[in-house]
Amino acid sequence: MTLTSSSIFIITVIGLFSIGIYGLMAIRNMIKAIVALQLMVKGAMLAFVLAGNINGNVQQGASMALTVIVADTIVAVIGMALAVQVRKHIGSLDIKALTKLKG
């Protein structure tokens, strides 16, 4: 079996997305959950680039990837800011500890 660049990209996309989903389901730390979400988004970004490459429209895939990078950075910054505030108020980054927030 020969591996083409497209099949390597598909394997990478599936791997990154799977690791991200596993991380979101198994990890209770907020920062680690944000990192797992970042892995999922990187897999989706590679899928956009691969789709653009397969269709022969590389520029469109690259522009979609750039849009995903910008949106992903905004989500990461807001998530980290939320994690800092939760740590300040609760004293823990455990997601289950968020049930203490009331009001």
Protein backbone atom coordinates (compact mmCIF):
# COMPACT_ATOMS: atom_id res chain seq x y z
CA MET A 1 0.00 0.00 0.00
CA THR A 2 1.40 3.34 -1.00
CA LEU A 3 0.57 6.40 1.00
CA THR A 4 -0.16 9.49 -1.02
CA SER A 5 -0.06 12.96 0.46
CA SER A 6 -3.87 13.06 0.55
CA SER A 7 -4.10 9.86 2.57
CA ILE A 8 -1.45 11.11 5.00
CA PHE A 9 -3.46 14.32 5.45
CA ILE A 10 -6.66 12.33 6.05
CA ILE A 11 -4.92 10.16 8.65
CA THR A 12 -3.56 13.29 10.34
CA VAL A 13 -6.98 14.99 10.33
CA ILE A 14 -8.68 11.93 11.82
CA GLY A 15 -5.91 11.54 14.40
CA LEU A 16 -5.99 15.17 15.55
CA PHE A 17 -9.76 15.25 15.71
CA SER A 18 -9.92 11.95 17.61
CA ILE A 19 -7.31 13.04 20.14
CA GLY A 20 -9.23 16.29 20.66
CA ILE A 21 -12.54 14.51 21.23
CA TYR A 22 -10.92 12.07 23.65
CA GLY A 23 -9.32 14.98 25.50
CA LEU A 24 -12.63 16.81 25.83
CA MET A 25 -14.38 13.73 27.18
CA ALA A 26 -11.66 12.49 29.53
CA ILE A 27 -10.08 15.63 30.98
CA ARG A 28 -11.61 17.76 33.74
CA ASN A 29 -8.99 20.54 33.81
CA MET A 30 -10.16 23.66 31.95
CA ILE A 31 -6.80 24.50 30.38
CA LYS A 32 -6.31 20.94 29.15
CA ALA A 33 -9.83 20.99 27.72
CA ILE A 34 -8.97 24.18 25.82
CA VAL A 35 -5.86 22.48 24.43
CA ALA A 36 -7.97 19.48 23.38
CA LEU A 37 -10.39 21.85 21.66
CA GLN A 38 -7.43 23.45 19.88
CA LEU A 39 -6.37 20.03 18.58
CA MET A 40 -9.84 19.44 17.18
CA VAL A 41 -9.80 22.80 15.42
CA LYS A 42 -6.35 22.13 13.95
CA GLY A 43 -7.72 18.90 12.51
CA ALA A 44 -10.63 20.78 10.95
CA MET A 45 -8.22 23.37 9.56
CA LEU A 46 -6.15 20.66 7.90
CA ALA A 47 -9.37 19.22 6.46
CA PHE A 48 -10.14 22.61 4.86
CA VAL A 49 -6.68 22.75 3.32
CA LEU A 50 -7.00 19.17 2.06
CA ALA A 51 -10.44 19.85 0.56
CA GLY A 52 -9.09 22.90 -1.24
CA ASN A 53 -6.14 20.90 -2.50
CA ILE A 54 -8.32 18.04 -3.77
CA ASN A 55 -10.69 20.43 -5.56
CA GLY A 56 -7.80 22.29 -7.15
CA ASN A 57 -8.69 25.51 -5.35
CA VAL A 58 -5.80 25.80 -2.91
CA GLN A 59 -6.37 29.51 -2.27
CA GLN A 60 -9.89 28.94 -0.98
CA GLY A 61 -8.70 26.17 1.37
CA ALA A 62 -5.91 28.39 2.63
CA SER A 63 -8.25 31.34 3.20
CA MET A 64 -10.66 29.09 5.13
CA ALA A 65 -7.72 27.83 7.20
CA LEU A 66 -6.68 31.41 7.95
CA THR A 67 -10.23 32.24 9.04
CA VAL A 68 -10.23 29.19 11.32
CA ILE A 69 -6.88 30.24 12.81
CA VAL A 70 -8.22 33.70 13.67
CA ALA A 71 -11.44 32.38 15.18
CA ASP A 72 -9.54 29.67 17.05
CA THR A 73 -7.17 32.20 18.57
CA ILE A 74 -10.08 34.31 19.80
CA VAL A 75 -11.73 31.25 21.37
CA ALA A 76 -8.46 30.24 23.04
CA VAL A 77 -7.90 33.72 24.50
CA ILE A 78 -11.45 33.96 25.85
CA GLY A 79 -11.21 30.43 27.25
CA MET A 80 -7.94 31.19 29.01
CA ALA A 81 -9.37 34.42 30.43
CA LEU A 82 -12.37 32.47 31.70
CA ALA A 83 -10.05 29.88 33.24
CA VAL A 84 -8.09 32.60 35.05
CA GLN A 85 -11.30 34.11 36.47
CA VAL A 86 -12.61 30.70 37.55
CA ARG A 87 -9.30 29.97 39.26
CA LYS A 88 -9.52 33.32 41.04
CA HIS A 89 -13.07 32.78 42.33
CA ILE A 90 -13.13 29.04 42.97
CA GLY A 91 -9.46 28.21 43.50
CA SER A 92 -9.57 25.26 41.11
CA LEU A 93 -9.56 24.64 37.37
CA ASP A 94 -11.73 21.54 37.70
CA ILE A 95 -14.72 21.75 35.38
CA LYS A 96 -16.94 19.96 37.92
CA ALA A 97 -16.16 22.75 40.41
CA LEU A 98 -18.12 25.16 38.21
CA THR A 99 -21.30 23.91 39.84
CA LYS A 100 -20.35 26.04 42.84
CA LEU A 101 -20.93 29.17 40.78
CA LYS A 102 -24.37 30.45 41.55
CA GLY A 103 -25.93 33.81 41.44
